[in-house]
Amino acid sequence: MKSTIVIAAALALCGSAFAGTGVVDTVKKDAKQIGSSFNRDMHRIARGDLGPDQAAAQPSTGSQSSAMGAGPSDSSVSSGRQARMDAAYANWQRTHR
């Protein structure tokens, strides 16, 4: 019981000492600025709103999917290849029914 009172008193004194010096307010203000800056940056990234220096640092690829291993999105796939893919898919469907 005595230790609980001593701990509570120590926390109250430390809390009031920090509050008296403005440390808590400064930390809260800095944390809010960091959060706001992070939020603003994430929104800019999501919109693709990059400045000229940031845009120059970004690689210029025509298609994001091609960077992940996907082929071009236009109709440059040969008809022979497309026919083989269609036949393989039809064969797969027959065996998995």
PDB file of N, CA and C in Angstrom:
ATOM      1  N   MET A   1       0.824  -1.190   0.000  1.00  0.00           N
ATOM      2  CA  MET A   1       0.000   0.000   0.000  1.00  0.00           C
ATOM      3  C   MET A   1       0.876   1.264   0.000  1.00  0.00           C
ATOM      4  N   LYS A   2       1.905   1.249   0.866  1.00  0.00           N
ATOM      5  CA  LYS A   2       2.799   2.407   0.925  1.00  0.00           C
ATOM      6  C   LYS A   2       3.552   2.587  -0.394  1.00  0.00           C
ATOM      7  N   SER A   3       3.962   1.453  -1.006  1.00  0.00           N
ATOM      8  CA  SER A   3       4.723   1.563  -2.250  1.00  0.00           C
ATOM      9  C   SER A   3       3.860   2.137  -3.371  1.00  0.00           C
ATOM     10  N   THR A   4       2.582   1.823  -3.372  1.00  0.00           N
ATOM     11  CA  THR A   4       1.675   2.359  -4.379  1.00  0.00           C
ATOM     12  C   THR A   4       1.551   3.869  -4.252  1.00  0.00           C
ATOM     13  N   ILE A   5       1.465   4.338  -3.008  1.00  0.00           N
ATOM     14  CA  ILE A   5       1.358   5.785  -2.768  1.00  0.00           C
ATOM     15  C   ILE A   5       2.653   6.483  -3.171  1.00  0.00           C
ATOM     16  N   VAL A   6       3.791   5.865  -2.858  1.00  0.00           N
ATOM     17  CA  VAL A   6       5.085   6.457  -3.215  1.00  0.00           C
ATOM     18  C   VAL A   6       5.239   6.530  -4.729  1.00  0.00           C
ATOM     19  N   ILE A   7       4.857   5.441  -5.422  1.00  0.00           N
ATOM     20  CA  ILE A   7       4.957   5.429  -6.891  1.00  0.00           C
ATOM     21  C   ILE A   7       4.031   6.478  -7.501  1.00  0.00           C
ATOM     22  N   ALA A   8       2.810   6.580  -6.990  1.00  0.00           N
ATOM     23  CA  ALA A   8       1.859   7.571  -7.503  1.00  0.00           C
ATOM     24  C   ALA A   8       2.381   8.986  -7.281  1.00  0.00           C
ATOM     25  N   ALA A   9       2.965   9.239  -6.112  1.00  0.00           N
ATOM     26  CA  ALA A   9       3.508  10.568  -5.822  1.00  0.00           C
ATOM     27  C   ALA A   9       4.691  10.879  -6.738  1.00  0.00           C
ATOM     28  N   ALA A  10       5.550   9.875  -6.963  1.00  0.00           N
ATOM     29  CA  ALA A  10       6.701  10.095  -7.837  1.00  0.00           C
ATOM     30  C   ALA A  10       6.258  10.394  -9.264  1.00  0.00           C
ATOM     31  N   LEU A  11       5.272   9.652  -9.738  1.00  0.00           N
ATOM     32  CA  LEU A  11       4.763   9.914 -11.091  1.00  0.00           C
ATOM     33  C   LEU A  11       4.127  11.291 -11.189  1.00  0.00           C
ATOM     34  N   ALA A  12       3.399  11.677 -10.150  1.00  0.00           N
ATOM     35  CA  ALA A  12       2.770  13.000 -10.159  1.00  0.00           C
ATOM     36  C   ALA A  12       3.823  14.097 -10.183  1.00  0.00           C
ATOM     37  N   LEU A  13       4.894  13.932  -9.392  1.00  0.00           N
ATOM     38  CA  LEU A  13       5.951  14.940  -9.373  1.00  0.00           C
ATOM     39  C   LEU A  13       6.702  14.996 -10.703  1.00  0.00           C
ATOM     40  N   CYS A  14       7.013  13.814 -11.253  1.00  0.00           N
ATOM     41  CA  CYS A  14       7.719  13.790 -12.541  1.00  0.00           C
ATOM     42  C   CYS A  14       6.851  14.361 -13.648  1.00  0.00           C
ATOM     43  N   GLY A  15       5.578  14.007 -13.622  1.00  0.00           N
ATOM     44  CA  GLY A  15       4.662  14.521 -14.643  1.00  0.00           C
ATOM     45  C   GLY A  15       4.535  16.024 -14.571  1.00  0.00           C
ATOM     46  N   SER A  16       4.441  16.552 -13.346  1.00  0.00           N
ATOM     47  CA  SER A  16       4.314  18.003 -13.212  1.00  0.00           C
ATOM     48  C   SER A  16       5.625  18.696 -13.567  1.00  0.00           C
ATOM     49  N   ALA A  17       6.756  18.040 -13.301  1.00  0.00           N
ATOM     50  CA  ALA A  17       8.040  18.638 -13.670  1.00  0.00           C
ATOM     51  C   ALA A  17       8.184  18.725 -15.182  1.00  0.00           C
ATOM     52  N   PHE A  18       7.795  17.638 -15.887  1.00  0.00           N
ATOM     53  CA  PHE A  18       7.853  17.674 -17.349  1.00  0.00           C
ATOM     54  C   PHE A  18       6.875  18.687 -17.914  1.00  0.00           C
ATOM     55  N   ALA A  19       5.680  18.729 -17.356  1.00  0.00           N
ATOM     56  CA  ALA A  19       4.677  19.670 -17.849  1.00  0.00           C
ATOM     57  C   ALA A  19       5.107  21.100 -17.575  1.00  0.00           C
ATOM     58  N   GLY A  20       5.777  21.315 -16.456  1.00  0.00           N
ATOM     59  CA  GLY A  20       6.220  22.658 -16.103  1.00  0.00           C
ATOM     60  C   GLY A  20       7.290  23.170 -17.042  1.00  0.00           C
ATOM     61  N   THR A  21       8.115  22.289 -17.567  1.00  0.00           N
ATOM     62  CA  THR A  21       9.193  22.744 -18.451  1.00  0.00           C
ATOM     63  C   THR A  21       8.763  22.807 -19.907  1.00  0.00           C
ATOM     64  N   GLY A  22       7.601  22.305 -20.216  1.00  0.00           N
ATOM     65  CA  GLY A  22       7.121  22.343 -21.585  1.00  0.00           C
ATOM     66  C   GLY A  22       7.607  21.210 -22.442  1.00  0.00           C
ATOM     67  N   VAL A  23       8.261  20.224 -21.851  1.00  0.00           N
ATOM     68  CA  VAL A  23       8.782  19.097 -22.615  1.00  0.00           C
ATOM     69  C   VAL A  23       7.644  18.320 -23.260  1.00  0.00           C
ATOM     70  N   VAL A  24       6.592  18.092 -22.500  1.00  0.00           N
ATOM     71  CA  VAL A  24       5.456  17.319 -23.010  1.00  0.00           C
ATOM     72  C   VAL A  24       4.804  18.048 -24.186  1.00  0.00           C
ATOM     73  N   ASP A  25       4.627  19.350 -24.046  1.00  0.00           N
ATOM     74  CA  ASP A  25       4.026  20.125 -25.139  1.00  0.00           C
ATOM     75  C   ASP A  25       4.895  20.103 -26.388  1.00  0.00           C
ATOM     76  N   THR A  26       6.203  20.202 -26.198  1.00  0.00           N
ATOM     77  CA  THR A  26       7.125  20.177 -27.332  1.00  0.00           C
ATOM     78  C   THR A  26       7.086  18.831 -28.037  1.00  0.00           C
ATOM     79  N   VAL A  27       7.067  17.757 -27.242  1.00  0.00           N
ATOM     80  CA  VAL A  27       7.017  16.421 -27.825  1.00  0.00           C
ATOM     81  C   VAL A  27       5.710  16.224 -28.586  1.00  0.00           C
ATOM     82  N   LYS A  28       4.602  16.669 -28.013  1.00  0.00           N
ATOM     83  CA  LYS A  28       3.301  16.544 -28.691  1.00  0.00           C
ATOM     84  C   LYS A  28       3.297  17.337 -30.000  1.00  0.00           C
ATOM     85  N   LYS A  29       3.848  18.552 -29.951  1.00  0.00           N
ATOM     86  CA  LYS A  29       3.881  19.394 -31.151  1.00  0.00           C
ATOM     87  C   LYS A  29       4.739  18.753 -32.244  1.00  0.00           C
ATOM     88  N   ASP A  30       5.908  18.238 -31.853  1.00  0.00           N
ATOM     89  CA  ASP A  30       6.789  17.589 -32.824  1.00  0.00           C
ATOM     90  C   ASP A  30       6.147  16.336 -33.409  1.00  0.00           C
ATOM     91  N   ALA A  31       5.487  15.538 -32.565  1.00  0.00           N
ATOM     92  CA  ALA A  31       4.825  14.329 -33.052  1.00  0.00           C
ATOM     93  C   ALA A  31       3.708  14.681 -34.028  1.00  0.00           C
ATOM     94  N   LYS A  32       2.989  15.741 -33.753  1.00  0.00           N
ATOM     95  CA  LYS A  32       1.914  16.157 -34.655  1.00  0.00           C
ATOM     96  C   LYS A  32       2.483  16.628 -35.991  1.00  0.00           C
ATOM     97  N   GLN A  33       3.598  17.357 -35.960  1.00  0.00           N
ATOM     98  CA  GLN A  33       4.226  17.804 -37.204  1.00  0.00           C
ATOM     99  C   GLN A  33       4.727  16.626 -38.027  1.00  0.00           C
ATOM    100  N   ILE A  34       5.326  15.643 -37.361  1.00  0.00           N
ATOM    101  CA  ILE A  34       5.809  14.459 -38.074  1.00  0.00           C
ATOM    102  C   ILE A  34       4.648  13.723 -38.711  1.00  0.00           C
ATOM    103  N   GLY A  35       3.554  13.552 -37.965  1.00  0.00           N
ATOM    104  CA  GLY A  35       2.374  12.871 -38.497  1.00  0.00           C
ATOM    105  C   GLY A  35       1.764  13.616 -39.672  1.00  0.00           C
ATOM    106  N   SER A  36       1.690  14.938 -39.566  1.00  0.00           N
ATOM    107  CA  SER A  36       1.129  15.733 -40.662  1.00  0.00           C
ATOM    108  C   SER A  36       2.005  15.652 -41.908  1.00  0.00           C
ATOM    109  N   SER A  37       3.301  15.730 -41.709  1.00  0.00           N
ATOM    110  CA  SER A  37       4.223  15.650 -42.839  1.00  0.00           C
ATOM    111  C   SER A  37       4.149  14.286 -43.516  1.00  0.00           C
ATOM    112  N   PHE A  38       4.096  13.236 -42.709  1.00  0.00           N
ATOM    113  CA  PHE A  38       3.990  11.877 -43.252  1.00  0.00           C
ATOM    114  C   PHE A  38       2.690  11.721 -44.029  1.00  0.00           C
ATOM    115  N   ASN A  39       1.587  12.202 -43.471  1.00  0.00           N
ATOM    116  CA  ASN A  39       0.288  12.113 -44.129  1.00  0.00           C
ATOM    117  C   ASN A  39       0.295  12.868 -45.457  1.00  0.00           C
ATOM    118  N   ARG A  40       0.862  14.055 -45.460  1.00  0.00           N
ATOM    119  CA  ARG A  40       0.925  14.868 -46.681  1.00  0.00           C
ATOM    120  C   ARG A  40       1.771  14.164 -47.741  1.00  0.00           C
ATOM    121  N   ASP A  41       2.914  13.603 -47.319  1.00  0.00           N
ATOM    122  CA  ASP A  41       3.783  12.906 -48.263  1.00  0.00           C
ATOM    123  C   ASP A  41       3.103  11.670 -48.845  1.00  0.00           C
ATOM    124  N   MET A  42       2.388  10.922 -48.026  1.00  0.00           N
ATOM    125  CA  MET A  42       1.697   9.726 -48.520  1.00  0.00           C
ATOM    126  C   MET A  42       0.612  10.092 -49.533  1.00  0.00           C
ATOM    127  N   HIS A  43      -0.083  11.183 -49.287  1.00  0.00           N
ATOM    128  CA  HIS A  43      -1.100  11.621 -50.247  1.00  0.00           C
ATOM    129  C   HIS A  43      -0.458  12.068 -51.556  1.00  0.00           C
ATOM    130  N   ARG A  44       0.683  12.758 -51.475  1.00  0.00           N
ATOM    131  CA  ARG A  44       1.383  13.183 -52.699  1.00  0.00           C
ATOM    132  C   ARG A  44       1.863  11.982 -53.492  1.00  0.00           C
ATOM    133  N   ILE A  45       2.373  10.973 -52.800  1.00  0.00           N
ATOM    134  CA  ILE A  45       2.843   9.766 -53.487  1.00  0.00           C
ATOM    135  C   ILE A  45       1.677   9.044 -54.140  1.00  0.00           C
ATOM    136  N   ALA A  46       0.560   8.936 -53.429  1.00  0.00           N
ATOM    137  CA  ALA A  46      -0.610   8.238 -53.966  1.00  0.00           C
ATOM    138  C   ALA A  46      -1.160   8.948 -55.202  1.00  0.00           C
ATOM    139  N   ARG A  47      -1.123  10.274 -55.202  1.00  0.00           N
ATOM    140  CA  ARG A  47      -1.617  11.032 -56.356  1.00  0.00           C
ATOM    141  C   ARG A  47      -0.595  11.082 -57.480  1.00  0.00           C
ATOM    142  N   GLY A  48       0.645  10.769 -57.190  1.00  0.00           N
ATOM    143  CA  GLY A  48       1.699  10.882 -58.198  1.00  0.00           C
ATOM    144  C   GLY A  48       2.145  12.317 -58.383  1.00  0.00           C
ATOM    145  N   ASP A  49       1.901  13.140 -57.390  1.00  0.00           N
ATOM    146  CA  ASP A  49       2.230  14.562 -57.441  1.00  0.00           C
ATOM    147  C   ASP A  49       3.666  14.758 -56.974  1.00  0.00           C
ATOM    148  N   LEU A  50       4.610  14.542 -57.876  1.00  0.00           N
ATOM    149  CA  LEU A  50       6.013  14.680 -57.526  1.00  0.00           C
ATOM    150  C   LEU A  50       6.564  15.959 -58.126  1.00  0.00           C
ATOM    151  N   GLY A  51       7.487  16.558 -57.409  1.00  0.00           N
ATOM    152  CA  GLY A  51       8.137  17.759 -57.915  1.00  0.00           C
ATOM    153  C   GLY A  51       9.114  17.416 -59.027  1.00  0.00           C
ATOM    154  N   PRO A  52       9.685  18.418 -59.703  1.00  0.00           N
ATOM    155  CA  PRO A  52      10.589  18.157 -60.824  1.00  0.00           C
ATOM    156  C   PRO A  52      11.832  17.358 -60.414  1.00  0.00           C
ATOM    157  N   ASP A  53      12.374  17.618 -59.231  1.00  0.00           N
ATOM    158  CA  ASP A  53      13.561  16.883 -58.805  1.00  0.00           C
ATOM    159  C   ASP A  53      13.219  15.442 -58.434  1.00  0.00           C
ATOM    160  N   GLN A  54      12.051  15.214 -57.862  1.00  0.00           N
ATOM    161  CA  GLN A  54      11.640  13.860 -57.511  1.00  0.00           C
ATOM    162  C   GLN A  54      11.231  13.075 -58.752  1.00  0.00           C
ATOM    163  N   ALA A  55      10.600  13.739 -59.708  1.00  0.00           N
ATOM    164  CA  ALA A  55      10.182  13.065 -60.926  1.00  0.00           C
ATOM    165  C   ALA A  55      11.394  12.621 -61.743  1.00  0.00           C
ATOM    166  N   ALA A  56      12.466  13.414 -61.719  1.00  0.00           N
ATOM    167  CA  ALA A  56      13.668  13.053 -62.456  1.00  0.00           C
ATOM    168  C   ALA A  56      14.335  11.824 -61.847  1.00  0.00           C
ATOM    169  N   ALA A  57      14.169  11.629 -60.556  1.00  0.00           N
ATOM    170  CA  ALA A  57      14.771  10.480 -59.882  1.00  0.00           C
ATOM    171  C   ALA A  57      13.984   9.197 -60.128  1.00  0.00           C
ATOM    172  N   GLN A  58      12.736   9.315 -60.562  1.00  0.00           N
ATOM    173  CA  GLN A  58      11.901   8.142 -60.815  1.00  0.00           C
ATOM    174  C   GLN A  58      12.249   7.544 -62.166  1.00  0.00           C
ATOM    175  N   PRO A  59      12.363   6.214 -62.256  1.00  0.00           N
ATOM    176  CA  PRO A  59      12.621   5.604 -63.562  1.00  0.00           C
ATOM    177  C   PRO A  59      11.429   5.801 -64.483  1.00  0.00           C
ATOM    178  N   SER A  60      11.710   6.054 -65.733  1.00  0.00           N
ATOM    179  CA  SER A  60      10.645   6.302 -66.693  1.00  0.00           C
ATOM    180  C   SER A  60      10.347   5.016 -67.453  1.00  0.00           C
ATOM    181  N   THR A  61       9.334   4.283 -66.976  1.00  0.00           N
ATOM    182  CA  THR A  61       8.909   3.071 -67.667  1.00  0.00           C
ATOM    183  C   THR A  61       7.532   3.318 -68.241  1.00  0.00           C
ATOM    184  N   GLY A  62       7.292   2.766 -69.391  1.00  0.00           N
ATOM    185  CA  GLY A  62       6.009   2.970 -70.040  1.00  0.00           C
ATOM    186  C   GLY A  62       4.873   2.280 -69.318  1.00  0.00           C
ATOM    187  N   SER A  63       5.146   1.121 -68.765  1.00  0.00           N
ATOM    188  CA  SER A  63       4.091   0.356 -68.123  1.00  0.00           C
ATOM    189  C   SER A  63       4.571  -0.168 -66.788  1.00  0.00           C
ATOM    190  N   GLN A  64       3.775   0.013 -65.770  1.00  0.00           N
ATOM    191  CA  GLN A  64       4.143  -0.503 -64.462  1.00  0.00           C
ATOM    192  C   GLN A  64       4.100  -2.024 -64.441  1.00  0.00           C
ATOM    193  N   SER A  65       3.183  -2.623 -65.206  1.00  0.00           N
ATOM    194  CA  SER A  65       3.067  -4.079 -65.185  1.00  0.00           C
ATOM    195  C   SER A  65       4.246  -4.754 -65.875  1.00  0.00           C
ATOM    196  N   SER A  66       4.853  -4.094 -66.848  1.00  0.00           N
ATOM    197  CA  SER A  66       5.990  -4.713 -67.510  1.00  0.00           C
ATOM    198  C   SER A  66       7.185  -4.805 -66.568  1.00  0.00           C
ATOM    199  N   ALA A  67       7.274  -3.907 -65.613  1.00  0.00           N
ATOM    200  CA  ALA A  67       8.348  -3.967 -64.640  1.00  0.00           C
ATOM    201  C   ALA A  67       8.188  -5.170 -63.718  1.00  0.00           C
ATOM    202  N   MET A  68       6.970  -5.691 -63.611  1.00  0.00           N
ATOM    203  CA  MET A  68       6.714  -6.839 -62.755  1.00  0.00           C
ATOM    204  C   MET A  68       6.757  -8.149 -63.523  1.00  0.00           C
ATOM    205  N   GLY A  69       7.200  -8.122 -64.755  1.00  0.00           N
ATOM    206  CA  GLY A  69       7.335  -9.347 -65.528  1.00  0.00           C
ATOM    207  C   GLY A  69       6.207  -9.600 -66.497  1.00  0.00           C
ATOM    208  N   ALA A  70       5.213  -8.754 -66.539  1.00  0.00           N
ATOM    209  CA  ALA A  70       4.113  -8.932 -67.475  1.00  0.00           C
ATOM    210  C   ALA A  70       4.541  -8.454 -68.853  1.00  0.00           C
ATOM    211  N   GLY A  71       3.940  -9.005 -69.853  1.00  0.00           N
ATOM    212  CA  GLY A  71       4.247  -8.607 -71.216  1.00  0.00           C
ATOM    213  C   GLY A  71       3.599  -7.287 -71.552  1.00  0.00           C
ATOM    214  N   PRO A  72       3.849  -6.785 -72.733  1.00  0.00           N
ATOM    215  CA  PRO A  72       3.235  -5.519 -73.139  1.00  0.00           C
ATOM    216  C   PRO A  72       1.722  -5.656 -73.234  1.00  0.00           C
ATOM    217  N   SER A  73       1.038  -4.556 -72.954  1.00  0.00           N
ATOM    218  CA  SER A  73      -0.418  -4.608 -72.927  1.00  0.00           C
ATOM    219  C   SER A  73      -1.039  -4.453 -74.317  1.00  0.00           C
ATOM    220  N   ASP A  74      -0.264  -4.062 -75.298  1.00  0.00           N
ATOM    221  CA  ASP A  74      -0.832  -3.922 -76.641  1.00  0.00           C
ATOM    222  C   ASP A  74      -0.952  -5.292 -77.315  1.00  0.00           C
ATOM    223  N   SER A  75      -1.398  -5.320 -78.524  1.00  0.00           N
ATOM    224  CA  SER A  75      -1.666  -6.592 -79.204  1.00  0.00           C
ATOM    225  C   SER A  75      -0.441  -7.106 -79.958  1.00  0.00           C
ATOM    226  N   SER A  76       0.726  -7.030 -79.323  1.00  0.00           N
ATOM    227  CA  SER A  76       1.935  -7.492 -79.992  1.00  0.00           C
ATOM    228  C   SER A  76       2.167  -8.991 -79.788  1.00  0.00           C
ATOM    229  N   VAL A  77       1.269  -9.672 -79.049  1.00  0.00           N
ATOM    230  CA  VAL A  77       1.392 -11.113 -78.868  1.00  0.00           C
ATOM    231  C   VAL A  77       1.035 -11.772 -80.196  1.00  0.00           C
ATOM    232  N   SER A  78       1.904 -12.671 -80.641  1.00  0.00           N
ATOM    233  CA  SER A  78       1.658 -13.297 -81.937  1.00  0.00           C
ATOM    234  C   SER A  78       0.416 -14.177 -81.881  1.00  0.00           C
ATOM    235  N   SER A  79      -0.229 -14.325 -83.025  1.00  0.00           N
ATOM    236  CA  SER A  79      -1.454 -15.120 -83.066  1.00  0.00           C
ATOM    237  C   SER A  79      -1.166 -16.594 -82.791  1.00  0.00           C
ATOM    238  N   GLY A  80       0.007 -17.089 -83.191  1.00  0.00           N
ATOM    239  CA  GLY A  80       0.384 -18.472 -82.909  1.00  0.00           C
ATOM    240  C   GLY A  80       0.533 -18.724 -81.416  1.00  0.00           C
ATOM    241  N   ARG A  81       1.156 -17.791 -80.758  1.00  0.00           N
ATOM    242  CA  ARG A  81       1.317 -17.929 -79.310  1.00  0.00           C
ATOM    243  C   ARG A  81      -0.030 -17.869 -78.620  1.00  0.00           C
ATOM    244  N   GLN A  82      -0.886 -16.952 -79.058  1.00  0.00           N
ATOM    245  CA  GLN A  82      -2.222 -16.831 -78.466  1.00  0.00           C
ATOM    246  C   GLN A  82      -3.007 -18.122 -78.674  1.00  0.00           C
ATOM    247  N   ALA A  83      -2.903 -18.725 -79.859  1.00  0.00           N
ATOM    248  CA  ALA A  83      -3.604 -19.973 -80.136  1.00  0.00           C
ATOM    249  C   ALA A  83      -3.104 -21.098 -79.231  1.00  0.00           C
ATOM    250  N   ARG A  84      -1.793 -21.153 -79.007  1.00  0.00           N
ATOM    251  CA  ARG A  84      -1.245 -22.184 -78.106  1.00  0.00           C
ATOM    252  C   ARG A  84      -1.716 -21.975 -76.672  1.00  0.00           C
ATOM    253  N   MET A  85      -1.766 -20.738 -76.256  1.00  0.00           N
ATOM    254  CA  MET A  85      -2.243 -20.462 -74.892  1.00  0.00           C
ATOM    255  C   MET A  85      -3.714 -20.828 -74.750  1.00  0.00           C
ATOM    256  N   ASP A  86      -4.522 -20.499 -75.759  1.00  0.00           N
ATOM    257  CA  ASP A  86      -5.943 -20.851 -75.715  1.00  0.00           C
ATOM    258  C   ASP A  86      -6.139 -22.363 -75.689  1.00  0.00           C
ATOM    259  N   ALA A  87      -5.359 -23.081 -76.487  1.00  0.00           N
ATOM    260  CA  ALA A  87      -5.469 -24.542 -76.525  1.00  0.00           C
ATOM    261  C   ALA A  87      -5.051 -25.149 -75.186  1.00  0.00           C
ATOM    262  N   ALA A  88      -4.005 -24.627 -74.590  1.00  0.00           N
ATOM    263  CA  ALA A  88      -3.559 -25.138 -73.295  1.00  0.00           C
ATOM    264  C   ALA A  88      -4.603 -24.877 -72.219  1.00  0.00           C
ATOM    265  N   TYR A  89      -5.234 -23.725 -72.259  1.00  0.00           N
ATOM    266  CA  TYR A  89      -6.263 -23.403 -71.272  1.00  0.00           C
ATOM    267  C   TYR A  89      -7.488 -24.293 -71.466  1.00  0.00           C
ATOM    268  N   ALA A  90      -7.881 -24.520 -72.715  1.00  0.00           N
ATOM    269  CA  ALA A  90      -9.025 -25.402 -72.984  1.00  0.00           C
ATOM    270  C   ALA A  90      -8.724 -26.813 -72.502  1.00  0.00           C
ATOM    271  N   ASN A  91      -7.498 -27.280 -72.730  1.00  0.00           N
ATOM    272  CA  ASN A  91      -7.094 -28.600 -72.258  1.00  0.00           C
ATOM    273  C   ASN A  91      -7.131 -28.657 -70.729  1.00  0.00           C
ATOM    274  N   TRP A  92      -6.668 -27.635 -70.079  1.00  0.00           N
ATOM    275  CA  TRP A  92      -6.693 -27.587 -68.617  1.00  0.00           C
ATOM    276  C   TRP A  92      -8.130 -27.621 -68.105  1.00  0.00           C
ATOM    277  N   GLN A  93      -9.030 -26.884 -68.777  1.00  0.00           N
ATOM    278  CA  GLN A  93     -10.432 -26.876 -68.343  1.00  0.00           C
ATOM    279  C   GLN A  93     -11.051 -28.262 -68.466  1.00  0.00           C
ATOM    280  N   ARG A  94     -10.721 -28.981 -69.534  1.00  0.00           N
ATOM    281  CA  ARG A  94     -11.291 -30.342 -69.720  1.00  0.00           C
ATOM    282  C   ARG A  94     -10.811 -31.280 -68.618  1.00  0.00           C
ATOM    283  N   THR A  95      -9.562 -31.171 -68.214  1.00  0.00           N
ATOM    284  CA  THR A  95      -9.029 -32.104 -67.227  1.00  0.00           C
ATOM    285  C   THR A  95      -9.387 -31.734 -65.798  1.00  0.00           C
ATOM    286  N   HIS A  96      -9.851 -30.528 -65.558  1.00  0.00           N
ATOM    287  CA  HIS A  96     -10.161 -30.103 -64.195  1.00  0.00           C
ATOM    288  C   HIS A  96     -11.652 -29.892 -63.964  1.00  0.00           C
ATOM    289  N   ARG A  97     -12.473 -30.594 -64.664  1.00  0.00           N
ATOM    290  CA  ARG A  97     -13.922 -30.466 -64.422  1.00  0.00           C
ATOM    291  C   ARG A  97     -14.415 -31.574 -63.568  1.00  0.00           C
TER     292      ARG A  97
END
